[in-house]
Amino acid sequence: MLCTSFSIVYKLLKLVLILPVATASVERVFSSMNYVKNDLRNKMGEQYLNDCLVPFIECDFFQQVMDKDIIKRFQTMKKRK
């Protein structure tokens, strides 16, 4: 009931509570980007940078993937010309 009566105040409070979490995760991504994209790999394209950052940032998830599943996936892929 209060949410409908004070919808703008409710949205503002929601943003205030989410902001520190969002800011911390954005800072974490930029910190990771500085680690991945250094002077040696400075001319990295946007797609390649994204492909490198996702496994680096989400390493906990990627550690759960089994090696045999990755090998099986690549073996079942069609060959390209």
C-alpha atoms as a PDB file:
ATOM      1  CA  MET A   1       0.000   0.000   0.000  1.00  0.00           C
ATOM      2  CA  LEU A   2       2.781   2.415   0.888  1.00  0.00           C
ATOM      3  CA  CYS A   3       4.587   1.524  -2.325  1.00  0.00           C
ATOM      4  CA  THR A   4       1.703   2.803  -4.410  1.00  0.00           C
ATOM      5  CA  SER A   5       1.184   5.937  -2.309  1.00  0.00           C
ATOM      6  CA  PHE A   6       4.816   6.985  -2.268  1.00  0.00           C
ATOM      7  CA  SER A   7       6.098   5.419  -5.475  1.00  0.00           C
ATOM      8  CA  ILE A   8       8.775   8.044  -6.124  1.00  0.00           C
ATOM      9  CA  VAL A   9      10.123   7.809  -2.568  1.00  0.00           C
ATOM     10  CA  TYR A  10      10.058   4.015  -2.819  1.00  0.00           C
ATOM     11  CA  LYS A  11      12.052   4.084  -6.095  1.00  0.00           C
ATOM     12  CA  LEU A  12      14.545   6.524  -4.597  1.00  0.00           C
ATOM     13  CA  LEU A  13      15.085   4.308  -1.548  1.00  0.00           C
ATOM     14  CA  LYS A  14      15.519   1.292  -3.788  1.00  0.00           C
ATOM     15  CA  LEU A  15      18.176   3.120  -5.817  1.00  0.00           C
ATOM     16  CA  VAL A  16      19.979   4.265  -2.677  1.00  0.00           C
ATOM     17  CA  LEU A  17      20.138   0.681  -1.413  1.00  0.00           C
ATOM     18  CA  ILE A  18      21.315  -0.742  -4.762  1.00  0.00           C
ATOM     19  CA  LEU A  19      23.905   1.927  -5.582  1.00  0.00           C
ATOM     20  CA  PRO A  20      26.758   0.701  -3.313  1.00  0.00           C
ATOM     21  CA  VAL A  21      26.464  -2.835  -4.675  1.00  0.00           C
ATOM     22  CA  ALA A  22      26.360  -1.645  -8.288  1.00  0.00           C
ATOM     23  CA  THR A  23      29.294   0.698  -7.743  1.00  0.00           C
ATOM     24  CA  ALA A  24      31.403  -2.061  -6.181  1.00  0.00           C
ATOM     25  CA  SER A  25      30.730  -4.462  -9.037  1.00  0.00           C
ATOM     26  CA  VAL A  26      31.539  -1.805 -11.653  1.00  0.00           C
ATOM     27  CA  GLU A  27      34.802  -1.002  -9.873  1.00  0.00           C
ATOM     28  CA  ARG A  28      35.629  -4.705  -9.802  1.00  0.00           C
ATOM     29  CA  VAL A  29      35.064  -4.962 -13.557  1.00  0.00           C
ATOM     30  CA  PHE A  30      37.264  -1.946 -14.290  1.00  0.00           C
ATOM     31  CA  SER A  31      39.975  -3.306 -12.034  1.00  0.00           C
ATOM     32  CA  SER A  32      39.821  -6.623 -13.883  1.00  0.00           C
ATOM     33  CA  MET A  33      39.900  -4.819 -17.205  1.00  0.00           C
ATOM     34  CA  ASN A  34      43.101  -3.035 -16.212  1.00  0.00           C
ATOM     35  CA  TYR A  35      44.621  -6.389 -15.308  1.00  0.00           C
ATOM     36  CA  VAL A  36      43.580  -8.094 -18.555  1.00  0.00           C
ATOM     37  CA  LYS A  37      44.214  -5.152 -20.878  1.00  0.00           C
ATOM     38  CA  ASN A  38      47.761  -4.097 -20.091  1.00  0.00           C
ATOM     39  CA  ASP A  39      50.476  -2.481 -22.233  1.00  0.00           C
ATOM     40  CA  LEU A  40      51.265  -5.760 -23.970  1.00  0.00           C
ATOM     41  CA  ARG A  41      47.649  -6.254 -25.047  1.00  0.00           C
ATOM     42  CA  ASN A  42      46.664  -2.648 -25.549  1.00  0.00           C
ATOM     43  CA  LYS A  43      45.235  -2.944 -29.074  1.00  0.00           C
ATOM     44  CA  MET A  44      42.701  -5.570 -28.130  1.00  0.00           C
ATOM     45  CA  GLY A  45      39.359  -5.406 -29.924  1.00  0.00           C
ATOM     46  CA  GLU A  46      36.125  -4.927 -28.014  1.00  0.00           C
ATOM     47  CA  GLN A  47      34.769  -8.450 -28.626  1.00  0.00           C
ATOM     48  CA  TYR A  48      38.073 -10.110 -27.734  1.00  0.00           C
ATOM     49  CA  LEU A  49      38.332  -7.998 -24.571  1.00  0.00           C
ATOM     50  CA  ASN A  50      34.811  -9.054 -23.602  1.00  0.00           C
ATOM     51  CA  ASP A  51      35.669 -12.707 -24.290  1.00  0.00           C
ATOM     52  CA  CYS A  52      38.704 -12.406 -22.008  1.00  0.00           C
ATOM     53  CA  LEU A  53      36.962 -10.486 -19.224  1.00  0.00           C
ATOM     54  CA  VAL A  54      33.952 -12.753 -18.740  1.00  0.00           C
ATOM     55  CA  PRO A  55      35.958 -15.845 -17.675  1.00  0.00           C
ATOM     56  CA  PHE A  56      38.306 -13.659 -15.615  1.00  0.00           C
ATOM     57  CA  ILE A  57      35.477 -12.001 -13.681  1.00  0.00           C
ATOM     58  CA  GLU A  58      33.278 -15.079 -13.360  1.00  0.00           C
ATOM     59  CA  CYS A  59      36.114 -17.458 -12.493  1.00  0.00           C
ATOM     60  CA  ASP A  60      34.074 -19.204  -9.772  1.00  0.00           C
ATOM     61  CA  PHE A  61      31.519 -20.295 -12.339  1.00  0.00           C
ATOM     62  CA  PHE A  62      34.110 -21.351 -14.909  1.00  0.00           C
ATOM     63  CA  GLN A  63      35.999 -23.461 -12.372  1.00  0.00           C
ATOM     64  CA  GLN A  64      32.889 -25.644 -12.036  1.00  0.00           C
ATOM     65  CA  VAL A  65      32.960 -26.568 -15.741  1.00  0.00           C
ATOM     66  CA  MET A  66      34.629 -29.897 -16.310  1.00  0.00           C
ATOM     67  CA  ASP A  67      37.470 -30.227 -18.837  1.00  0.00           C
ATOM     68  CA  LYS A  68      35.852 -33.244 -20.477  1.00  0.00           C
ATOM     69  CA  ASP A  69      32.701 -31.174 -21.184  1.00  0.00           C
ATOM     70  CA  ILE A  70      34.773 -28.520 -22.956  1.00  0.00           C
ATOM     71  CA  ILE A  71      36.627 -31.142 -24.995  1.00  0.00           C
ATOM     72  CA  LYS A  72      33.359 -32.838 -25.932  1.00  0.00           C
ATOM     73  CA  ARG A  73      31.862 -29.497 -27.011  1.00  0.00           C
ATOM     74  CA  PHE A  74      34.783 -28.699 -29.312  1.00  0.00           C
ATOM     75  CA  GLN A  75      34.849 -32.213 -30.757  1.00  0.00           C
ATOM     76  CA  THR A  76      31.165 -32.036 -31.713  1.00  0.00           C
ATOM     77  CA  MET A  77      31.498 -28.640 -33.427  1.00  0.00           C
ATOM     78  CA  LYS A  78      31.274 -28.544 -37.209  1.00  0.00           C
ATOM     79  CA  LYS A  79      34.443 -27.739 -39.063  1.00  0.00           C
ATOM     80  CA  ARG A  80      34.785 -24.307 -40.604  1.00  0.00           C
ATOM     81  CA  LYS A  81      36.279 -23.516 -43.983  1.00  0.00           C
END
